[in-house]
Structures are given as structure tokens and as C-alpha cells.
Amino acid sequence: MTVRQLHLLGSPVLRQRAAPVAAVDDDVRRLVDDLFETMRAAKGVGLAANQVGVARRVAVVDVGEDDPPPLVLINPRIVHAGDVVEVAEEGCLSIPEIYGEVERPLQVTLEALDRDGRPYRLDVAGYKARAVQHEIDHLDGVLFLDHLSAVKRGLLLAKWKKSRKGQSGYLKEVTPEPAGEL
């Protein structure tokens, strides 16, 4: 497993619609493993392949709940969204230190392939549903900022630009914390 570089806001791959995975093979499984490794090293709860520069419909979600366990989302799609919506704060590993209030359905039903290419259907709710929707948005080239009002988005983009002053490029190294001493 490899911890990969994160692509930051401004990187063209973040606005690209990811291509479907034709077949789940060793390369796709390695990408899944790298996504989990990178997400955990960056202390995130989800990560889409475009965020590591790969425009393929692969994402992972782990919000720390055991039921269901961490999710592998290959070619995911939401087939049903509940009527009840919730507004909650979201952030993104590709836009560090920027947060906004996003409205999303509280419950969704998704269909995807697992790490072995087996199709599954799953109902998720609450924080896990929010994370799944956020990652599927990434695969469609949509960022959480796109769900905000033009005024709020403008304010957050100005804050982002200010925080990036003097920095160039759209890649960020992710360095895992060393294991603690026993």
C-alpha cells in the first residue's frame, strides 16, 4: 500500500468526471488499498480516486462505524435518496481548512461494486450517507463548494486563495504519523 499525494483545489482532475471501471483487477484493488492508506494518513473519512489524480470511479468511506464496515465504492451510484434533508458542516481533504454548511439527504440507497467486483446494494444514513454522497460528487467532478450559495462560495474561495498565498502547485504530500512507542 502506498500513501499518495493529494490533489488540491485548482487541480483539473478534481473537476473531471471519472471514467467507469470496466473490470475490477489487481490495479483497481491496489488503488482501493492506496485510497484507504492515504485517507487514514490524512485523517479523512472518505477519499475518491480523482483526489489522488486518478480519474476512475473508485472511492472509499470509513467514518469509524462498524456496521456497515468501511465501504469500497467502485462505480457507485445513488439509486434512492430519502426525503428528509440535513444541513451539516463539510470539509474536504482537497480543500484543507475550508468548511461549509451543505444540505444533503439524510438517507440514501447506493449500488456499487466491492473490492472483489461483486455488486451490492446498501442503505446508509446519517454521517455515513453524507460521506458517500460527498465522495460520489467527487467522482462526478463536483466539490462541496458547489452546493453553497454564490456568496458563501465566493467567501470561502477568497479564504482559500489567501491561505495558499506564496504556494504554487496543486499537490500535497501526505505524511502518516509515526507509530507510537509501546
C-alpha atoms as a PDB file:
ATOM      1  CA  MET A   1       0.000   0.000   0.000  1.00  0.00           C
ATOM      2  CA  THR A   2       1.145   3.499  -0.814  1.00  0.00           C
ATOM      3  CA  VAL A   3       0.239   6.869   0.619  1.00  0.00           C
ATOM      4  CA  ARG A   4      -0.345   9.030  -2.448  1.00  0.00           C
ATOM      5  CA  GLN A   5      -0.194  12.784  -2.954  1.00  0.00           C
ATOM      6  CA  LEU A   6      -3.488  14.647  -2.656  1.00  0.00           C
ATOM      7  CA  HIS A   7      -4.684  16.912  -5.451  1.00  0.00           C
ATOM      8  CA  LEU A   8      -5.828  20.282  -4.140  1.00  0.00           C
ATOM      9  CA  LEU A   9      -8.468  22.721  -5.360  1.00  0.00           C
ATOM     10  CA  GLY A  10      -7.336  24.017  -8.735  1.00  0.00           C
ATOM     11  CA  SER A  11      -6.083  20.656  -9.986  1.00  0.00           C
ATOM     12  CA  PRO A  12      -8.044  19.895 -13.191  1.00  0.00           C
ATOM     13  CA  VAL A  13      -8.630  16.234 -12.236  1.00  0.00           C
ATOM     14  CA  LEU A  14     -10.929  17.348  -9.397  1.00  0.00           C
ATOM     15  CA  ARG A  15     -13.361  18.787 -11.961  1.00  0.00           C
ATOM     16  CA  GLN A  16     -13.187  15.750 -14.228  1.00  0.00           C
ATOM     17  CA  ARG A  17     -15.974  13.179 -14.381  1.00  0.00           C
ATOM     18  CA  ALA A  18     -14.291   9.888 -13.520  1.00  0.00           C
ATOM     19  CA  ALA A  19     -14.446   7.038 -16.017  1.00  0.00           C
ATOM     20  CA  PRO A  20     -16.283   3.839 -15.037  1.00  0.00           C
ATOM     21  CA  VAL A  21     -14.192   0.828 -14.075  1.00  0.00           C
ATOM     22  CA  ALA A  22     -14.609  -1.848 -16.750  1.00  0.00           C
ATOM     23  CA  ALA A  23     -13.271  -4.708 -14.625  1.00  0.00           C
ATOM     24  CA  VAL A  24     -12.066  -4.967 -11.042  1.00  0.00           C
ATOM     25  CA  ASP A  25      -8.496  -6.246 -11.326  1.00  0.00           C
ATOM     26  CA  ASP A  26      -5.318  -6.067  -9.252  1.00  0.00           C
ATOM     27  CA  ASP A  27      -4.694  -2.455 -10.322  1.00  0.00           C
ATOM     28  CA  VAL A  28      -8.135  -1.411  -9.063  1.00  0.00           C
ATOM     29  CA  ARG A  29      -7.658  -3.330  -5.791  1.00  0.00           C
ATOM     30  CA  ARG A  30      -4.260  -1.638  -5.337  1.00  0.00           C
ATOM     31  CA  LEU A  31      -5.938   1.736  -5.922  1.00  0.00           C
ATOM     32  CA  VAL A  32      -8.566   0.867  -3.277  1.00  0.00           C
ATOM     33  CA  ASP A  33      -5.822  -0.067  -0.796  1.00  0.00           C
ATOM     34  CA  ASP A  34      -3.901   3.142  -1.571  1.00  0.00           C
ATOM     35  CA  LEU A  35      -7.064   5.218  -1.121  1.00  0.00           C
ATOM     36  CA  PHE A  36      -7.660   3.732   2.339  1.00  0.00           C
ATOM     37  CA  GLU A  37      -3.993   4.210   3.282  1.00  0.00           C
ATOM     38  CA  THR A  38      -3.938   7.827   2.048  1.00  0.00           C
ATOM     39  CA  MET A  39      -7.320   8.675   3.604  1.00  0.00           C
ATOM     40  CA  ARG A  40      -6.261   7.355   7.009  1.00  0.00           C
ATOM     41  CA  ALA A  41      -2.854   9.054   6.864  1.00  0.00           C
ATOM     42  CA  ALA A  42      -4.618  12.348   6.052  1.00  0.00           C
ATOM     43  CA  LYS A  43      -7.175  11.737   8.828  1.00  0.00           C
ATOM     44  CA  GLY A  44     -10.134  11.795   6.448  1.00  0.00           C
ATOM     45  CA  VAL A  45     -13.361   9.784   6.388  1.00  0.00           C
ATOM     46  CA  GLY A  46     -13.575   9.335   2.620  1.00  0.00           C
ATOM     47  CA  LEU A  47     -11.449   9.662  -0.484  1.00  0.00           C
ATOM     48  CA  ALA A  48     -12.194   9.487  -4.201  1.00  0.00           C
ATOM     49  CA  ALA A  49      -9.693   8.409  -6.845  1.00  0.00           C
ATOM     50  CA  ASN A  50      -9.678  11.853  -8.512  1.00  0.00           C
ATOM     51  CA  GLN A  51      -8.307  13.267  -5.267  1.00  0.00           C
ATOM     52  CA  VAL A  52      -5.123  11.252  -5.865  1.00  0.00           C
ATOM     53  CA  GLY A  53      -5.046  12.108  -9.566  1.00  0.00           C
ATOM     54  CA  VAL A  54      -6.802   9.019 -10.947  1.00  0.00           C
ATOM     55  CA  ALA A  55      -9.994   9.770 -12.898  1.00  0.00           C
ATOM     56  CA  ARG A  56     -11.669   6.383 -12.290  1.00  0.00           C
ATOM     57  CA  ARG A  57     -14.962   5.747 -10.458  1.00  0.00           C
ATOM     58  CA  VAL A  58     -13.415   4.396  -7.253  1.00  0.00           C
ATOM     59  CA  ALA A  59     -13.834   5.797  -3.738  1.00  0.00           C
ATOM     60  CA  VAL A  60     -13.631   4.654  -0.128  1.00  0.00           C
ATOM     61  CA  VAL A  61     -15.506   5.723   3.006  1.00  0.00           C
ATOM     62  CA  ASP A  62     -14.708   4.948   6.638  1.00  0.00           C
ATOM     63  CA  VAL A  63     -16.465   7.064   9.243  1.00  0.00           C
ATOM     64  CA  GLY A  64     -15.414   4.737  12.052  1.00  0.00           C
ATOM     65  CA  GLU A  65     -18.664   2.796  12.295  1.00  0.00           C
ATOM     66  CA  ASP A  66     -18.545  -0.985  12.138  1.00  0.00           C
ATOM     67  CA  ASP A  67     -21.996  -1.518  10.648  1.00  0.00           C
ATOM     68  CA  PRO A  68     -21.650  -1.412   7.737  1.00  0.00           C
ATOM     69  CA  PRO A  69     -17.851  -1.673   7.787  1.00  0.00           C
ATOM     70  CA  PRO A  70     -15.604   0.646   5.728  1.00  0.00           C
ATOM     71  CA  LEU A  71     -17.028   0.956   2.230  1.00  0.00           C
ATOM     72  CA  VAL A  72     -15.365   0.325  -1.108  1.00  0.00           C
ATOM     73  CA  LEU A  73     -17.291   2.164  -3.817  1.00  0.00           C
ATOM     74  CA  ILE A  74     -16.471   1.062  -7.361  1.00  0.00           C
ATOM     75  CA  ASN A  75     -18.801   2.545  -9.998  1.00  0.00           C
ATOM     76  CA  PRO A  76     -21.132   3.760  -7.229  1.00  0.00           C
ATOM     77  CA  ARG A  77     -24.480   5.331  -7.868  1.00  0.00           C
ATOM     78  CA  ILE A  78     -27.239   6.557  -5.626  1.00  0.00           C
ATOM     79  CA  VAL A  79     -30.460   4.808  -6.593  1.00  0.00           C
ATOM     80  CA  HIS A  80     -32.674   6.429  -3.964  1.00  0.00           C
ATOM     81  CA  ALA A  81     -32.397   9.471  -1.726  1.00  0.00           C
ATOM     82  CA  GLY A  82     -34.673   9.969   1.253  1.00  0.00           C
ATOM     83  CA  ASP A  83     -36.951  12.999   1.530  1.00  0.00           C
ATOM     84  CA  VAL A  84     -35.518  14.168   4.857  1.00  0.00           C
ATOM     85  CA  VAL A  85     -32.554  16.501   4.411  1.00  0.00           C
ATOM     86  CA  GLU A  86     -29.997  17.737   6.893  1.00  0.00           C
ATOM     87  CA  VAL A  87     -27.624  20.687   6.841  1.00  0.00           C
ATOM     88  CA  ALA A  88     -24.209  19.972   8.312  1.00  0.00           C
ATOM     89  CA  GLU A  89     -20.654  21.201   8.052  1.00  0.00           C
ATOM     90  CA  GLU A  90     -18.442  19.568   5.430  1.00  0.00           C
ATOM     91  CA  GLY A  91     -14.782  19.845   4.647  1.00  0.00           C
ATOM     92  CA  CYS A  92     -12.569  18.139   2.106  1.00  0.00           C
ATOM     93  CA  LEU A  93      -9.032  16.763   2.089  1.00  0.00           C
ATOM     94  CA  SER A  94      -8.551  18.538  -1.260  1.00  0.00           C
ATOM     95  CA  ILE A  95      -9.539  21.918   0.237  1.00  0.00           C
ATOM     96  CA  PRO A  96      -7.852  21.834   3.674  1.00  0.00           C
ATOM     97  CA  GLU A  97      -9.093  24.124   6.451  1.00  0.00           C
ATOM     98  CA  ILE A  98     -12.163  25.256   4.454  1.00  0.00           C
ATOM     99  CA  TYR A  99     -15.616  24.243   5.708  1.00  0.00           C
ATOM    100  CA  GLY A 100     -19.180  24.981   4.663  1.00  0.00           C
ATOM    101  CA  GLU A 101     -22.743  24.057   5.601  1.00  0.00           C
ATOM    102  CA  VAL A 102     -24.116  21.638   2.979  1.00  0.00           C
ATOM    103  CA  GLU A 103     -27.666  20.311   2.677  1.00  0.00           C
ATOM    104  CA  ARG A 104     -27.909  16.615   1.773  1.00  0.00           C
ATOM    105  CA  PRO A 105     -30.444  13.791   2.118  1.00  0.00           C
ATOM    106  CA  LEU A 106     -30.131  12.072   5.490  1.00  0.00           C
ATOM    107  CA  GLN A 107     -30.536   8.601   3.947  1.00  0.00           C
ATOM    108  CA  VAL A 108     -29.521   7.142   0.589  1.00  0.00           C
ATOM    109  CA  THR A 109     -29.528   3.762  -1.098  1.00  0.00           C
ATOM    110  CA  LEU A 110     -26.468   3.069  -3.188  1.00  0.00           C
ATOM    111  CA  GLU A 111     -25.356   0.413  -5.618  1.00  0.00           C
ATOM    112  CA  ALA A 112     -21.683  -0.284  -6.259  1.00  0.00           C
ATOM    113  CA  LEU A 113     -19.093  -2.985  -6.730  1.00  0.00           C
ATOM    114  CA  ASP A 114     -16.959  -4.142  -3.809  1.00  0.00           C
ATOM    115  CA  ARG A 115     -13.181  -4.718  -3.780  1.00  0.00           C
ATOM    116  CA  ASP A 116     -13.684  -8.087  -5.491  1.00  0.00           C
ATOM    117  CA  GLY A 117     -16.007  -6.736  -8.192  1.00  0.00           C
ATOM    118  CA  ARG A 118     -19.179  -8.131  -6.594  1.00  0.00           C
ATOM    119  CA  PRO A 119     -22.241  -5.871  -6.902  1.00  0.00           C
ATOM    120  CA  TYR A 120     -24.007  -4.790  -3.740  1.00  0.00           C
ATOM    121  CA  ARG A 121     -26.856  -2.520  -2.675  1.00  0.00           C
ATOM    122  CA  LEU A 122     -26.796  -0.741   0.668  1.00  0.00           C
ATOM    123  CA  ASP A 123     -28.881   1.728   2.669  1.00  0.00           C
ATOM    124  CA  VAL A 124     -26.788   4.242   4.594  1.00  0.00           C
ATOM    125  CA  ALA A 125     -27.896   7.072   6.835  1.00  0.00           C
ATOM    126  CA  GLY A 126     -26.512   9.970   8.832  1.00  0.00           C
ATOM    127  CA  TYR A 127     -22.822  10.819   8.666  1.00  0.00           C
ATOM    128  CA  LYS A 128     -22.014   7.776   6.507  1.00  0.00           C
ATOM    129  CA  ALA A 129     -24.678   8.818   3.948  1.00  0.00           C
ATOM    130  CA  ARG A 130     -23.186  12.323   3.858  1.00  0.00           C
ATOM    131  CA  ALA A 131     -19.683  10.925   3.277  1.00  0.00           C
ATOM    132  CA  VAL A 132     -20.909   8.603   0.498  1.00  0.00           C
ATOM    133  CA  GLN A 133     -22.668  11.496  -1.273  1.00  0.00           C
ATOM    134  CA  HIS A 134     -19.573  13.707  -0.912  1.00  0.00           C
ATOM    135  CA  GLU A 135     -17.325  11.045  -2.495  1.00  0.00           C
ATOM    136  CA  ILE A 136     -19.743  10.262  -5.336  1.00  0.00           C
ATOM    137  CA  ASP A 137     -19.859  14.010  -6.012  1.00  0.00           C
ATOM    138  CA  HIS A 138     -16.059  13.922  -6.398  1.00  0.00           C
ATOM    139  CA  LEU A 139     -16.377  11.170  -8.993  1.00  0.00           C
ATOM    140  CA  ASP A 140     -18.731  13.485 -10.911  1.00  0.00           C
ATOM    141  CA  GLY A 141     -16.306  16.434 -10.707  1.00  0.00           C
ATOM    142  CA  VAL A 142     -18.437  18.197  -8.073  1.00  0.00           C
ATOM    143  CA  LEU A 143     -16.985  19.751  -4.916  1.00  0.00           C
ATOM    144  CA  PHE A 144     -18.849  20.554  -1.698  1.00  0.00           C
ATOM    145  CA  LEU A 145     -18.334  24.240  -2.526  1.00  0.00           C
ATOM    146  CA  ASP A 146     -20.686  23.767  -5.491  1.00  0.00           C
ATOM    147  CA  HIS A 147     -23.559  23.124  -3.058  1.00  0.00           C
ATOM    148  CA  LEU A 148     -23.144  26.530  -1.400  1.00  0.00           C
ATOM    149  CA  SER A 149     -24.666  29.879  -2.316  1.00  0.00           C
ATOM    150  CA  ALA A 150     -22.598  32.020  -4.685  1.00  0.00           C
ATOM    151  CA  VAL A 151     -21.857  34.463  -1.845  1.00  0.00           C
ATOM    152  CA  LYS A 152     -20.705  31.782   0.608  1.00  0.00           C
ATOM    153  CA  ARG A 153     -18.681  30.011  -2.102  1.00  0.00           C
ATOM    154  CA  GLY A 154     -17.003  33.313  -3.018  1.00  0.00           C
ATOM    155  CA  LEU A 155     -16.070  33.992   0.602  1.00  0.00           C
ATOM    156  CA  LEU A 156     -14.604  30.512   1.053  1.00  0.00           C
ATOM    157  CA  LEU A 157     -12.674  30.704  -2.231  1.00  0.00           C
ATOM    158  CA  ALA A 158     -11.199  34.039  -1.144  1.00  0.00           C
ATOM    159  CA  LYS A 159     -10.193  32.456   2.172  1.00  0.00           C
ATOM    160  CA  TRP A 160      -8.649  29.512   0.266  1.00  0.00           C
ATOM    161  CA  LYS A 161      -6.650  31.823  -2.021  1.00  0.00           C
ATOM    162  CA  LYS A 162      -5.399  33.796   0.969  1.00  0.00           C
ATOM    163  CA  SER A 163      -4.336  30.599   2.755  1.00  0.00           C
ATOM    164  CA  ARG A 164      -2.435  29.500  -0.388  1.00  0.00           C
ATOM    165  CA  LYS A 165      -0.563  32.789  -0.823  1.00  0.00           C
ATOM    166  CA  GLY A 166       3.019  32.074  -1.808  1.00  0.00           C
ATOM    167  CA  GLN A 167       2.302  28.406  -2.538  1.00  0.00           C
ATOM    168  CA  SER A 168       2.289  27.015  -6.020  1.00  0.00           C
ATOM    169  CA  GLY A 169       1.059  23.761  -7.452  1.00  0.00           C
ATOM    170  CA  TYR A 170      -1.905  21.614  -6.652  1.00  0.00           C
ATOM    171  CA  LEU A 171      -0.295  18.622  -4.942  1.00  0.00           C
ATOM    172  CA  LYS A 172       0.083  17.958  -1.233  1.00  0.00           C
ATOM    173  CA  GLU A 173       2.266  15.305   0.327  1.00  0.00           C
ATOM    174  CA  VAL A 174       0.502  13.235   2.972  1.00  0.00           C
ATOM    175  CA  THR A 175       2.797  12.039   5.714  1.00  0.00           C
ATOM    176  CA  PRO A 176       1.420   9.452   8.091  1.00  0.00           C
ATOM    177  CA  GLU A 177       2.181   9.943  11.745  1.00  0.00           C
ATOM    178  CA  PRO A 178       4.791   7.570  13.064  1.00  0.00           C
ATOM    179  CA  ALA A 179       3.504   4.688  15.142  1.00  0.00           C
ATOM    180  CA  GLY A 180       3.540   5.430  18.851  1.00  0.00           C
ATOM    181  CA  GLU A 181       6.041   3.810  21.138  1.00  0.00           C
ATOM    182  CA  LEU A 182       4.901   0.809  23.131  1.00  0.00           C
END
